[in-house]
Amino acid sequence: MTLPDLSKFAPMSTAPRDGTLVLVALHASEQGPAEVDAVRWAKSARSGEEGWVANDSDPFARVVYADPELSGWLPLPTQLPKLRSANLPPREPREPGPDEADGSSI
């Protein structure tokens, strides 16, 4: 897998810590090369410890990252296409034509 452009990642200090799912870039380490993972901030109900939990973690064997293991974050890409340009003015509602009755044009 090719890493995205790391210059686009924001510092971890600005990442949302409200349970929102985000993409993070992991530093390369003795455990493997740099990679990207989907994580969310969570607090353990048992121990009270907090950290970045990998989205694909098993409930019985959580993968948790500490801030020093992560180099930056990005919001998840949306699945919806951008349908309107922010530069376009809002459309004015149009009047129904003479062939439309009660809002139906069928």
PDB file of N, CA and C in Angstrom:
ATOM      1  N   MET A   1       0.837  -1.178   0.000  1.00  0.00           N
ATOM      2  CA  MET A   1       0.000   0.000   0.000  1.00  0.00           C
ATOM      3  C   MET A   1       0.881   1.241   0.000  1.00  0.00           C
ATOM      4  N   THR A   2       0.555   2.198  -0.832  1.00  0.00           N
ATOM      5  CA  THR A   2       1.304   3.443  -0.909  1.00  0.00           C
ATOM      6  C   THR A   2       0.734   4.442   0.091  1.00  0.00           C
ATOM      7  N   LEU A   3       1.615   5.072   0.845  1.00  0.00           N
ATOM      8  CA  LEU A   3       1.168   6.074   1.810  1.00  0.00           C
ATOM      9  C   LEU A   3       0.713   7.340   1.093  1.00  0.00           C
ATOM     10  N   PRO A   4      -0.346   7.983   1.606  1.00  0.00           N
ATOM     11  CA  PRO A   4      -0.728   9.273   1.038  1.00  0.00           C
ATOM     12  C   PRO A   4       0.338  10.321   1.346  1.00  0.00           C
ATOM     13  N   ASP A   5       0.210  11.472   0.738  1.00  0.00           N
ATOM     14  CA  ASP A   5       1.139  12.579   0.955  1.00  0.00           C
ATOM     15  C   ASP A   5       1.098  12.996   2.423  1.00  0.00           C
ATOM     16  N   LEU A   6       2.183  12.750   3.160  1.00  0.00           N
ATOM     17  CA  LEU A   6       2.215  13.019   4.596  1.00  0.00           C
ATOM     18  C   LEU A   6       2.172  14.502   4.924  1.00  0.00           C
ATOM     19  N   SER A   7       2.448  15.359   3.952  1.00  0.00           N
ATOM     20  CA  SER A   7       2.393  16.794   4.221  1.00  0.00           C
ATOM     21  C   SER A   7       0.957  17.274   4.416  1.00  0.00           C
ATOM     22  N   LYS A   8      -0.021  16.476   3.999  1.00  0.00           N
ATOM     23  CA  LYS A   8      -1.428  16.852   4.145  1.00  0.00           C
ATOM     24  C   LYS A   8      -2.000  16.448   5.500  1.00  0.00           C
ATOM     25  N   PHE A   9      -1.261  15.657   6.268  1.00  0.00           N
ATOM     26  CA  PHE A   9      -1.733  15.213   7.574  1.00  0.00           C
ATOM     27  C   PHE A   9      -1.590  16.340   8.591  1.00  0.00           C
ATOM     28  N   ALA A  10      -2.595  16.519   9.432  1.00  0.00           N
ATOM     29  CA  ALA A  10      -2.571  17.542  10.487  1.00  0.00           C
ATOM     30  C   ALA A  10      -1.889  16.964  11.725  1.00  0.00           C
ATOM     31  N   PRO A  11      -1.357  17.805  12.601  1.00  0.00           N
ATOM     32  CA  PRO A  11      -0.722  17.314  13.824  1.00  0.00           C
ATOM     33  C   PRO A  11      -1.734  16.579  14.715  1.00  0.00           C
ATOM     34  N   MET A  12      -1.260  15.566  15.417  1.00  0.00           N
ATOM     35  CA  MET A  12      -2.143  14.778  16.279  1.00  0.00           C
ATOM     36  C   MET A  12      -2.768  15.622  17.385  1.00  0.00           C
ATOM     37  N   SER A  13      -2.132  16.700  17.775  1.00  0.00           N
ATOM     38  CA  SER A  13      -2.688  17.558  18.829  1.00  0.00           C
ATOM     39  C   SER A  13      -4.011  18.193  18.410  1.00  0.00           C
ATOM     40  N   THR A  14      -4.286  18.227  17.090  1.00  0.00           N
ATOM     41  CA  THR A  14      -5.535  18.816  16.607  1.00  0.00           C
ATOM     42  C   THR A  14      -6.597  17.770  16.276  1.00  0.00           C
ATOM     43  N   ALA A  15      -6.291  16.496  16.448  1.00  0.00           N
ATOM     44  CA  ALA A  15      -7.236  15.426  16.106  1.00  0.00           C
ATOM     45  C   ALA A  15      -8.423  15.416  17.066  1.00  0.00           C
ATOM     46  N   PRO A  16      -9.620  15.101  16.565  1.00  0.00           N
ATOM     47  CA  PRO A  16     -10.799  15.061  17.434  1.00  0.00           C
ATOM     48  C   PRO A  16     -10.711  13.902  18.424  1.00  0.00           C
ATOM     49  N   ARG A  17     -10.973  14.179  19.668  1.00  0.00           N
ATOM     50  CA  ARG A  17     -10.924  13.146  20.717  1.00  0.00           C
ATOM     51  C   ARG A  17     -12.320  12.900  21.267  1.00  0.00           C
ATOM     52  N   ASP A  18     -13.271  12.771  20.329  1.00  0.00           N
ATOM     53  CA  ASP A  18     -14.668  12.560  20.708  1.00  0.00           C
ATOM     54  C   ASP A  18     -15.224  11.240  20.180  1.00  0.00           C
ATOM     55  N   GLY A  19     -14.354  10.346  19.716  1.00  0.00           N
ATOM     56  CA  GLY A  19     -14.798   9.064  19.179  1.00  0.00           C
ATOM     57  C   GLY A  19     -14.974   9.061  17.672  1.00  0.00           C
ATOM     58  N   THR A  20     -14.707  10.190  17.019  1.00  0.00           N
ATOM     59  CA  THR A  20     -14.805  10.287  15.563  1.00  0.00           C
ATOM     60  C   THR A  20     -13.734   9.427  14.912  1.00  0.00           C
ATOM     61  N   LEU A  21     -14.115   8.682  13.900  1.00  0.00           N
ATOM     62  CA  LEU A  21     -13.175   7.843  13.162  1.00  0.00           C
ATOM     63  C   LEU A  21     -12.338   8.716  12.234  1.00  0.00           C
ATOM     64  N   VAL A  22     -11.001   8.580  12.288  1.00  0.00           N
ATOM     65  CA  VAL A  22     -10.082   9.358  11.458  1.00  0.00           C
ATOM     66  C   VAL A  22      -8.995   8.439  10.901  1.00  0.00           C
ATOM     67  N   LEU A  23      -8.296   8.916   9.881  1.00  0.00           N
ATOM     68  CA  LEU A  23      -7.121   8.216   9.363  1.00  0.00           C
ATOM     69  C   LEU A  23      -5.889   8.775  10.051  1.00  0.00           C
ATOM     70  N   VAL A  24      -4.961   7.900  10.445  1.00  0.00           N
ATOM     71  CA  VAL A  24      -3.709   8.343  11.041  1.00  0.00           C
ATOM     72  C   VAL A  24      -2.533   7.724  10.308  1.00  0.00           C
ATOM     73  N   ALA A  25      -1.415   8.442  10.301  1.00  0.00           N
ATOM     74  CA  ALA A  25      -0.166   7.928   9.739  1.00  0.00           C
ATOM     75  C   ALA A  25       0.693   7.464  10.910  1.00  0.00           C
ATOM     76  N   LEU A  26       1.127   6.208  10.851  1.00  0.00           N
ATOM     77  CA  LEU A  26       1.991   5.650  11.889  1.00  0.00           C
ATOM     78  C   LEU A  26       3.440   5.813  11.483  1.00  0.00           C
ATOM     79  N   HIS A  27       4.291   6.117  12.469  1.00  0.00           N
ATOM     80  CA  HIS A  27       5.732   6.181  12.215  1.00  0.00           C
ATOM     81  C   HIS A  27       6.251   4.776  11.930  1.00  0.00           C
ATOM     82  N   ALA A  28       7.263   4.679  11.102  1.00  0.00           N
ATOM     83  CA  ALA A  28       7.947   3.403  10.918  1.00  0.00           C
ATOM     84  C   ALA A  28       8.646   3.055  12.225  1.00  0.00           C
ATOM     85  N   SER A  29       8.698   1.769  12.549  1.00  0.00           N
ATOM     86  CA  SER A  29       9.337   1.333  13.795  1.00  0.00           C
ATOM     87  C   SER A  29       9.966  -0.039  13.573  1.00  0.00           C
ATOM     88  N   GLU A  30      10.527  -0.591  14.648  1.00  0.00           N
ATOM     89  CA  GLU A  30      11.097  -1.935  14.545  1.00  0.00           C
ATOM     90  C   GLU A  30      10.014  -2.975  14.305  1.00  0.00           C
ATOM     91  N   GLN A  31       8.739  -2.590  14.501  1.00  0.00           N
ATOM     92  CA  GLN A  31       7.630  -3.524  14.285  1.00  0.00           C
ATOM     93  C   GLN A  31       7.108  -3.489  12.856  1.00  0.00           C
ATOM     94  N   GLY A  32       7.574  -2.527  12.054  1.00  0.00           N
ATOM     95  CA  GLY A  32       7.143  -2.492  10.664  1.00  0.00           C
ATOM     96  C   GLY A  32       7.305  -1.126  10.033  1.00  0.00           C
ATOM     97  N   PRO A  33       7.022  -1.043   8.722  1.00  0.00           N
ATOM     98  CA  PRO A  33       7.156   0.227   8.003  1.00  0.00           C
ATOM     99  C   PRO A  33       6.019   1.185   8.358  1.00  0.00           C
ATOM    100  N   ALA A  34       6.170   2.429   7.948  1.00  0.00           N
ATOM    101  CA  ALA A  34       5.109   3.421   8.143  1.00  0.00           C
ATOM    102  C   ALA A  34       3.868   2.959   7.404  1.00  0.00           C
ATOM    103  N   GLU A  35       2.708   3.224   7.989  1.00  0.00           N
ATOM    104  CA  GLU A  35       1.457   2.842   7.356  1.00  0.00           C
ATOM    105  C   GLU A  35       0.341   3.765   7.830  1.00  0.00           C
ATOM    106  N   VAL A  36      -0.836   3.556   7.280  1.00  0.00           N
ATOM    107  CA  VAL A  36      -2.012   4.352   7.632  1.00  0.00           C
ATOM    108  C   VAL A  36      -3.038   3.417   8.242  1.00  0.00           C
ATOM    109  N   ASP A  37      -3.763   3.907   9.264  1.00  0.00           N
ATOM    110  CA  ASP A  37      -4.796   3.108   9.917  1.00  0.00           C
ATOM    111  C   ASP A  37      -5.983   4.003  10.232  1.00  0.00           C
ATOM    112  N   ALA A  38      -7.156   3.398  10.353  1.00  0.00           N
ATOM    113  CA  ALA A  38      -8.363   4.114  10.771  1.00  0.00           C
ATOM    114  C   ALA A  38      -8.528   3.886  12.269  1.00  0.00           C
ATOM    115  N   VAL A  39      -8.628   4.986  13.029  1.00  0.00           N
ATOM    116  CA  VAL A  39      -8.689   4.891  14.486  1.00  0.00           C
ATOM    117  C   VAL A  39      -9.729   5.861  15.042  1.00  0.00           C
ATOM    118  N   ARG A  40     -10.051   5.669  16.308  1.00  0.00           N
ATOM    119  CA  ARG A  40     -10.906   6.597  17.041  1.00  0.00           C
ATOM    120  C   ARG A  40     -10.356   6.717  18.450  1.00  0.00           C
ATOM    121  N   TRP A  41     -10.577   7.854  19.091  1.00  0.00           N
ATOM    122  CA  TRP A  41     -10.128   8.068  20.459  1.00  0.00           C
ATOM    123  C   TRP A  41     -11.113   7.364  21.385  1.00  0.00           C
ATOM    124  N   ALA A  42     -10.594   6.614  22.335  1.00  0.00           N
ATOM    125  CA  ALA A  42     -11.467   5.895  23.256  1.00  0.00           C
ATOM    126  C   ALA A  42     -10.816   5.803  24.629  1.00  0.00           C
ATOM    127  N   LYS A  43     -11.657   5.575  25.625  1.00  0.00           N
ATOM    128  CA  LYS A  43     -11.211   5.401  27.003  1.00  0.00           C
ATOM    129  C   LYS A  43     -11.664   4.022  27.465  1.00  0.00           C
ATOM    130  N   SER A  44     -10.744   3.270  28.054  1.00  0.00           N
ATOM    131  CA  SER A  44     -11.052   1.934  28.531  1.00  0.00           C
ATOM    132  C   SER A  44     -11.997   2.006  29.727  1.00  0.00           C
ATOM    133  N   ALA A  45     -13.060   1.231  29.687  1.00  0.00           N
ATOM    134  CA  ALA A  45     -14.013   1.195  30.800  1.00  0.00           C
ATOM    135  C   ALA A  45     -13.386   0.542  32.028  1.00  0.00           C
ATOM    136  N   ARG A  46     -12.472  -0.389  31.807  1.00  0.00           N
ATOM    137  CA  ARG A  46     -11.844  -1.097  32.931  1.00  0.00           C
ATOM    138  C   ARG A  46     -10.725  -0.301  33.587  1.00  0.00           C
ATOM    139  N   SER A  47      -9.768   0.115  32.782  1.00  0.00           N
ATOM    140  CA  SER A  47      -8.569   0.755  33.343  1.00  0.00           C
ATOM    141  C   SER A  47      -8.628   2.276  33.360  1.00  0.00           C
ATOM    142  N   GLY A  48      -9.488   2.852  32.519  1.00  0.00           N
ATOM    143  CA  GLY A  48      -9.551   4.304  32.417  1.00  0.00           C
ATOM    144  C   GLY A  48      -8.486   4.886  31.510  1.00  0.00           C
ATOM    145  N   GLU A  49      -7.635   4.026  30.921  1.00  0.00           N
ATOM    146  CA  GLU A  49      -6.596   4.507  30.006  1.00  0.00           C
ATOM    147  C   GLU A  49      -7.242   4.976  28.703  1.00  0.00           C
ATOM    148  N   GLU A  50      -6.630   6.009  28.096  1.00  0.00           N
ATOM    149  CA  GLU A  50      -7.126   6.542  26.841  1.00  0.00           C
ATOM    150  C   GLU A  50      -6.102   6.311  25.739  1.00  0.00           C
ATOM    151  N   GLY A  51      -6.581   6.231  24.505  1.00  0.00           N
ATOM    152  CA  GLY A  51      -5.683   6.058  23.379  1.00  0.00           C
ATOM    153  C   GLY A  51      -6.442   5.968  22.078  1.00  0.00           C
ATOM    154  N   TRP A  52      -5.697   5.847  20.999  1.00  0.00           N
ATOM    155  CA  TRP A  52      -6.251   5.726  19.655  1.00  0.00           C
ATOM    156  C   TRP A  52      -6.455   4.248  19.347  1.00  0.00           C
ATOM    157  N   VAL A  53      -7.693   3.810  19.243  1.00  0.00           N
ATOM    158  CA  VAL A  53      -8.036   2.405  19.030  1.00  0.00           C
ATOM    159  C   VAL A  53      -8.267   2.168  17.544  1.00  0.00           C
ATOM    160  N   ALA A  54      -7.590   1.159  17.003  1.00  0.00           N
ATOM    161  CA  ALA A  54      -7.758   0.810  15.593  1.00  0.00           C
ATOM    162  C   ALA A  54      -9.188   0.337  15.353  1.00  0.00           C
ATOM    163  N   ASN A  55      -9.767   0.776  14.252  1.00  0.00           N
ATOM    164  CA  ASN A  55     -11.153   0.459  13.931  1.00  0.00           C
ATOM    165  C   ASN A  55     -11.380  -1.037  13.742  1.00  0.00           C
ATOM    166  N   ASP A  56     -10.384  -1.739  13.243  1.00  0.00           N
ATOM    167  CA  ASP A  56     -10.554  -3.174  12.980  1.00  0.00           C
ATOM    168  C   ASP A  56     -10.046  -4.045  14.129  1.00  0.00           C
ATOM    169  N   SER A  57      -9.910  -3.461  15.317  1.00  0.00           N
ATOM    170  CA  SER A  57      -9.447  -4.225  16.482  1.00  0.00           C
ATOM    171  C   SER A  57     -10.492  -5.236  16.923  1.00  0.00           C
ATOM    172  N   ASP A  58     -10.010  -6.334  17.442  1.00  0.00           N
ATOM    173  CA  ASP A  58     -10.868  -7.337  18.062  1.00  0.00           C
ATOM    174  C   ASP A  58     -11.247  -6.825  19.451  1.00  0.00           C
ATOM    175  N   PRO A  59     -12.494  -7.013  19.896  1.00  0.00           N
ATOM    176  CA  PRO A  59     -12.880  -6.526  21.224  1.00  0.00           C
ATOM    177  C   PRO A  59     -12.046  -7.123  22.360  1.00  0.00           C
ATOM    178  N   PHE A  60     -11.460  -8.296  22.134  1.00  0.00           N
ATOM    179  CA  PHE A  60     -10.683  -8.956  23.180  1.00  0.00           C
ATOM    180  C   PHE A  60      -9.176  -8.748  23.031  1.00  0.00           C
ATOM    181  N   ALA A  61      -8.761  -8.131  21.935  1.00  0.00           N
ATOM    182  CA  ALA A  61      -7.333  -7.844  21.708  1.00  0.00           C
ATOM    183  C   ALA A  61      -7.228  -6.514  20.972  1.00  0.00           C
ATOM    184  N   ARG A  62      -7.468  -5.445  21.674  1.00  0.00           N
ATOM    185  CA  ARG A  62      -7.475  -4.107  21.078  1.00  0.00           C
ATOM    186  C   ARG A  62      -6.085  -3.696  20.590  1.00  0.00           C
ATOM    187  N   VAL A  63      -6.053  -3.025  19.453  1.00  0.00           N
ATOM    188  CA  VAL A  63      -4.832  -2.398  18.961  1.00  0.00           C
ATOM    189  C   VAL A  63      -4.965  -0.925  19.307  1.00  0.00           C
ATOM    190  N   VAL A  64      -4.107  -0.452  20.208  1.00  0.00           N
ATOM    191  CA  VAL A  64      -4.187   0.920  20.702  1.00  0.00           C
ATOM    192  C   VAL A  64      -2.856   1.617  20.425  1.00  0.00           C
ATOM    193  N   TYR A  65      -2.948   2.823  19.885  1.00  0.00           N
ATOM    194  CA  TYR A  65      -1.763   3.615  19.592  1.00  0.00           C
ATOM    195  C   TYR A  65      -1.697   4.802  20.547  1.00  0.00           C
ATOM    196  N   ALA A  66      -0.482   5.152  20.958  1.00  0.00           N
ATOM    197  CA  ALA A  66      -0.246   6.362  21.741  1.00  0.00           C
ATOM    198  C   ALA A  66       0.138   7.483  20.770  1.00  0.00           C
ATOM    199  N   ASP A  67      -0.037   8.726  21.186  1.00  0.00           N
ATOM    200  CA  ASP A  67       0.284   9.863  20.322  1.00  0.00           C
ATOM    201  C   ASP A  67       1.695   9.809  19.728  1.00  0.00           C
ATOM    202  N   PRO A  68       2.738   9.422  20.481  1.00  0.00           N
ATOM    203  CA  PRO A  68       4.092   9.395  19.887  1.00  0.00           C
ATOM    204  C   PRO A  68       4.252   8.397  18.726  1.00  0.00           C
ATOM    205  N   GLU A  69       3.359   7.416  18.620  1.00  0.00           N
ATOM    206  CA  GLU A  69       3.444   6.444  17.522  1.00  0.00           C
ATOM    207  C   GLU A  69       2.860   6.989  16.226  1.00  0.00           C
ATOM    208  N   LEU A  70       2.140   8.108  16.309  1.00  0.00           N
ATOM    209  CA  LEU A  70       1.403   8.637  15.166  1.00  0.00           C
ATOM    210  C   LEU A  70       1.994   9.961  14.715  1.00  0.00           C
ATOM    211  N   SER A  71       2.112  10.128  13.400  1.00  0.00           N
ATOM    212  CA  SER A  71       2.713  11.364  12.888  1.00  0.00           C
ATOM    213  C   SER A  71       1.682  12.397  12.474  1.00  0.00           C
ATOM    214  N   GLY A  72       0.436  12.013  12.242  1.00  0.00           N
ATOM    215  CA  GLY A  72      -0.582  12.975  11.856  1.00  0.00           C
ATOM    216  C   GLY A  72      -1.901  12.296  11.552  1.00  0.00           C
ATOM    217  N   TRP A  73      -2.914  13.109  11.281  1.00  0.00           N
ATOM    218  CA  TRP A  73      -4.245  12.569  11.020  1.00  0.00           C
ATOM    219  C   TRP A  73      -4.936  13.314   9.881  1.00  0.00           C
ATOM    220  N   LEU A  74      -5.919  12.646   9.280  1.00  0.00           N
ATOM    221  CA  LEU A  74      -6.783  13.219   8.240  1.00  0.00           C
ATOM    222  C   LEU A  74      -8.216  12.789   8.530  1.00  0.00           C
ATOM    223  N   PRO A  75      -9.209  13.610   8.196  1.00  0.00           N
ATOM    224  CA  PRO A  75     -10.583  13.124   8.310  1.00  0.00           C
ATOM    225  C   PRO A  75     -10.816  12.026   7.278  1.00  0.00           C
ATOM    226  N   LEU A  76     -11.735  11.128   7.568  1.00  0.00           N
ATOM    227  CA  LEU A  76     -12.060  10.088   6.597  1.00  0.00           C
ATOM    228  C   LEU A  76     -12.662  10.722   5.347  1.00  0.00           C
ATOM    229  N   PRO A  77     -12.352  10.194   4.185  1.00  0.00           N
ATOM    230  CA  PRO A  77     -12.975  10.733   2.972  1.00  0.00           C
ATOM    231  C   PRO A  77     -14.467  10.420   2.988  1.00  0.00           C
ATOM    232  N   THR A  78     -15.250  11.305   2.437  1.00  0.00           N
ATOM    233  CA  THR A  78     -16.686  11.082   2.384  1.00  0.00           C
ATOM    234  C   THR A  78     -17.025  10.183   1.209  1.00  0.00           C
ATOM    235  N   GLN A  79     -18.110   9.444   1.349  1.00  0.00           N
ATOM    236  CA  GLN A  79     -18.549   8.586   0.250  1.00  0.00           C
ATOM    237  C   GLN A  79     -19.436   9.353  -0.715  1.00  0.00           C
ATOM    238  N   LEU A  80     -19.942  10.493  -0.275  1.00  0.00           N
ATOM    239  CA  LEU A  80     -20.826  11.273  -1.124  1.00  0.00           C
ATOM    240  C   LEU A  80     -20.022  12.247  -1.972  1.00  0.00           C
ATOM    241  N   PRO A  81     -20.344  12.353  -3.242  1.00  0.00           N
ATOM    242  CA  PRO A  81     -19.642  13.333  -4.077  1.00  0.00           C
ATOM    243  C   PRO A  81     -20.096  14.741  -3.715  1.00  0.00           C
ATOM    244  N   LYS A  82     -19.243  15.701  -3.970  1.00  0.00           N
ATOM    245  CA  LYS A  82     -19.620  17.094  -3.757  1.00  0.00           C
ATOM    246  C   LYS A  82     -20.556  17.466  -4.899  1.00  0.00           C
ATOM    247  N   LEU A  83     -21.821  17.678  -4.573  1.00  0.00           N
ATOM    248  CA  LEU A  83     -22.824  17.872  -5.603  1.00  0.00           C
ATOM    249  C   LEU A  83     -22.947  19.321  -6.064  1.00  0.00           C
ATOM    250  N   ARG A  84     -22.571  20.251  -5.226  1.00  0.00           N
ATOM    251  CA  ARG A  84     -22.709  21.669  -5.551  1.00  0.00           C
ATOM    252  C   ARG A  84     -21.426  22.406  -5.294  1.00  0.00           C
ATOM    253  N   SER A  85     -21.114  23.294  -6.142  1.00  0.00           N
ATOM    254  CA  SER A  85     -19.953  24.131  -5.922  1.00  0.00           C
ATOM    255  C   SER A  85     -20.298  25.176  -4.868  1.00  0.00           C
ATOM    256  N   ALA A  86     -19.364  25.475  -3.992  1.00  0.00           N
ATOM    257  CA  ALA A  86     -19.583  26.489  -2.970  1.00  0.00           C
ATOM    258  C   ALA A  86     -19.680  27.876  -3.593  1.00  0.00           C
ATOM    259  N   ASN A  87     -19.216  28.019  -4.832  1.00  0.00           N
ATOM    260  CA  ASN A  87     -19.219  29.321  -5.492  1.00  0.00           C
ATOM    261  C   ASN A  87     -20.544  29.649  -6.185  1.00  0.00           C
ATOM    262  N   LEU A  88     -21.419  28.655  -6.369  1.00  0.00           N
ATOM    263  CA  LEU A  88     -22.681  28.905  -7.057  1.00  0.00           C
ATOM    264  C   LEU A  88     -23.686  29.553  -6.122  1.00  0.00           C
ATOM    265  N   PRO A  89     -24.440  30.527  -6.607  1.00  0.00           N
ATOM    266  CA  PRO A  89     -25.482  31.116  -5.761  1.00  0.00           C
ATOM    267  C   PRO A  89     -26.622  30.109  -5.587  1.00  0.00           C
ATOM    268  N   PRO A  90     -27.380  30.208  -4.490  1.00  0.00           N
ATOM    269  CA  PRO A  90     -28.496  29.276  -4.307  1.00  0.00           C
ATOM    270  C   PRO A  90     -29.545  29.475  -5.393  1.00  0.00           C
ATOM    271  N   ARG A  91     -30.218  28.408  -5.767  1.00  0.00           N
ATOM    272  CA  ARG A  91     -31.247  28.475  -6.798  1.00  0.00           C
ATOM    273  C   ARG A  91     -32.535  29.064  -6.235  1.00  0.00           C
ATOM    274  N   GLU A  92     -33.174  29.880  -7.037  1.00  0.00           N
ATOM    275  CA  GLU A  92     -34.484  30.409  -6.662  1.00  0.00           C
ATOM    276  C   GLU A  92     -35.538  29.369  -7.032  1.00  0.00           C
ATOM    277  N   PRO A  93     -36.551  29.177  -6.181  1.00  0.00           N
ATOM    278  CA  PRO A  93     -37.609  28.223  -6.546  1.00  0.00           C
ATOM    279  C   PRO A  93     -38.335  28.712  -7.792  1.00  0.00           C
ATOM    280  N   ARG A  94     -38.706  27.806  -8.651  1.00  0.00           N
ATOM    281  CA  ARG A  94     -39.405  28.203  -9.873  1.00  0.00           C
ATOM    282  C   ARG A  94     -40.905  27.981  -9.703  1.00  0.00           C
ATOM    283  N   GLU A  95     -41.648  28.742 -10.438  1.00  0.00           N
ATOM    284  CA  GLU A  95     -43.107  28.624 -10.418  1.00  0.00           C
ATOM    285  C   GLU A  95     -43.514  27.392 -11.225  1.00  0.00           C
ATOM    286  N   PRO A  96     -44.529  26.641 -10.756  1.00  0.00           N
ATOM    287  CA  PRO A  96     -44.978  25.482 -11.528  1.00  0.00           C
ATOM    288  C   PRO A  96     -45.599  25.917 -12.856  1.00  0.00           C
ATOM    289  N   GLY A  97     -45.432  25.076 -13.859  1.00  0.00           N
ATOM    290  CA  GLY A  97     -45.977  25.357 -15.183  1.00  0.00           C
ATOM    291  C   GLY A  97     -47.467  25.095 -15.227  1.00  0.00           C
ATOM    292  N   PRO A  98     -48.120  25.463 -16.330  1.00  0.00           N
ATOM    293  CA  PRO A  98     -49.577  25.286 -16.448  1.00  0.00           C
ATOM    294  C   PRO A  98     -49.986  23.812 -16.503  1.00  0.00           C
ATOM    295  N   ASP A  99     -49.058  22.923 -16.884  1.00  0.00           N
ATOM    296  CA  ASP A  99     -49.390  21.499 -16.970  1.00  0.00           C
ATOM    297  C   ASP A  99     -49.190  20.762 -15.649  1.00  0.00           C
ATOM    298  N   GLU A 100     -48.779  21.475 -14.615  1.00  0.00           N
ATOM    299  CA  GLU A 100     -48.565  20.843 -13.313  1.00  0.00           C
ATOM    300  C   GLU A 100     -49.748  21.137 -12.415  1.00  0.00           C
ATOM    301  N   ALA A 101     -50.275  20.088 -11.808  1.00  0.00           N
ATOM    302  CA  ALA A 101     -51.378  20.248 -10.855  1.00  0.00           C
ATOM    303  C   ALA A 101     -50.941  19.668  -9.526  1.00  0.00           C
ATOM    304  N   ASP A 102     -51.064  20.436  -8.475  1.00  0.00           N
ATOM    305  CA  ASP A 102     -50.703  19.988  -7.123  1.00  0.00           C
ATOM    306  C   ASP A 102     -49.266  19.518  -7.032  1.00  0.00           C
ATOM    307  N   GLY A 103     -48.360  20.160  -7.761  1.00  0.00           N
ATOM    308  CA  GLY A 103     -46.941  19.842  -7.672  1.00  0.00           C
ATOM    309  C   GLY A 103     -46.513  18.655  -8.488  1.00  0.00           C
ATOM    310  N   SER A 104     -47.406  18.032  -9.226  1.00  0.00           N
ATOM    311  CA  SER A 104     -47.036  16.862 -10.018  1.00  0.00           C
ATOM    312  C   SER A 104     -46.793  17.258 -11.458  1.00  0.00           C
ATOM    313  N   SER A 105     -45.743  16.754 -12.021  1.00  0.00           N
ATOM    314  CA  SER A 105     -45.492  17.028 -13.442  1.00  0.00           C
ATOM    315  C   SER A 105     -45.567  15.743 -14.255  1.00  0.00           C
ATOM    316  N   ILE A 106     -46.202  14.749 -13.694  1.00  0.00           N
ATOM    317  CA  ILE A 106     -46.307  13.459 -14.390  1.00  0.00           C
ATOM    318  C   ILE A 106     -47.472  13.462 -15.338  1.00  0.00           C
TER     319      ILE A 106
END
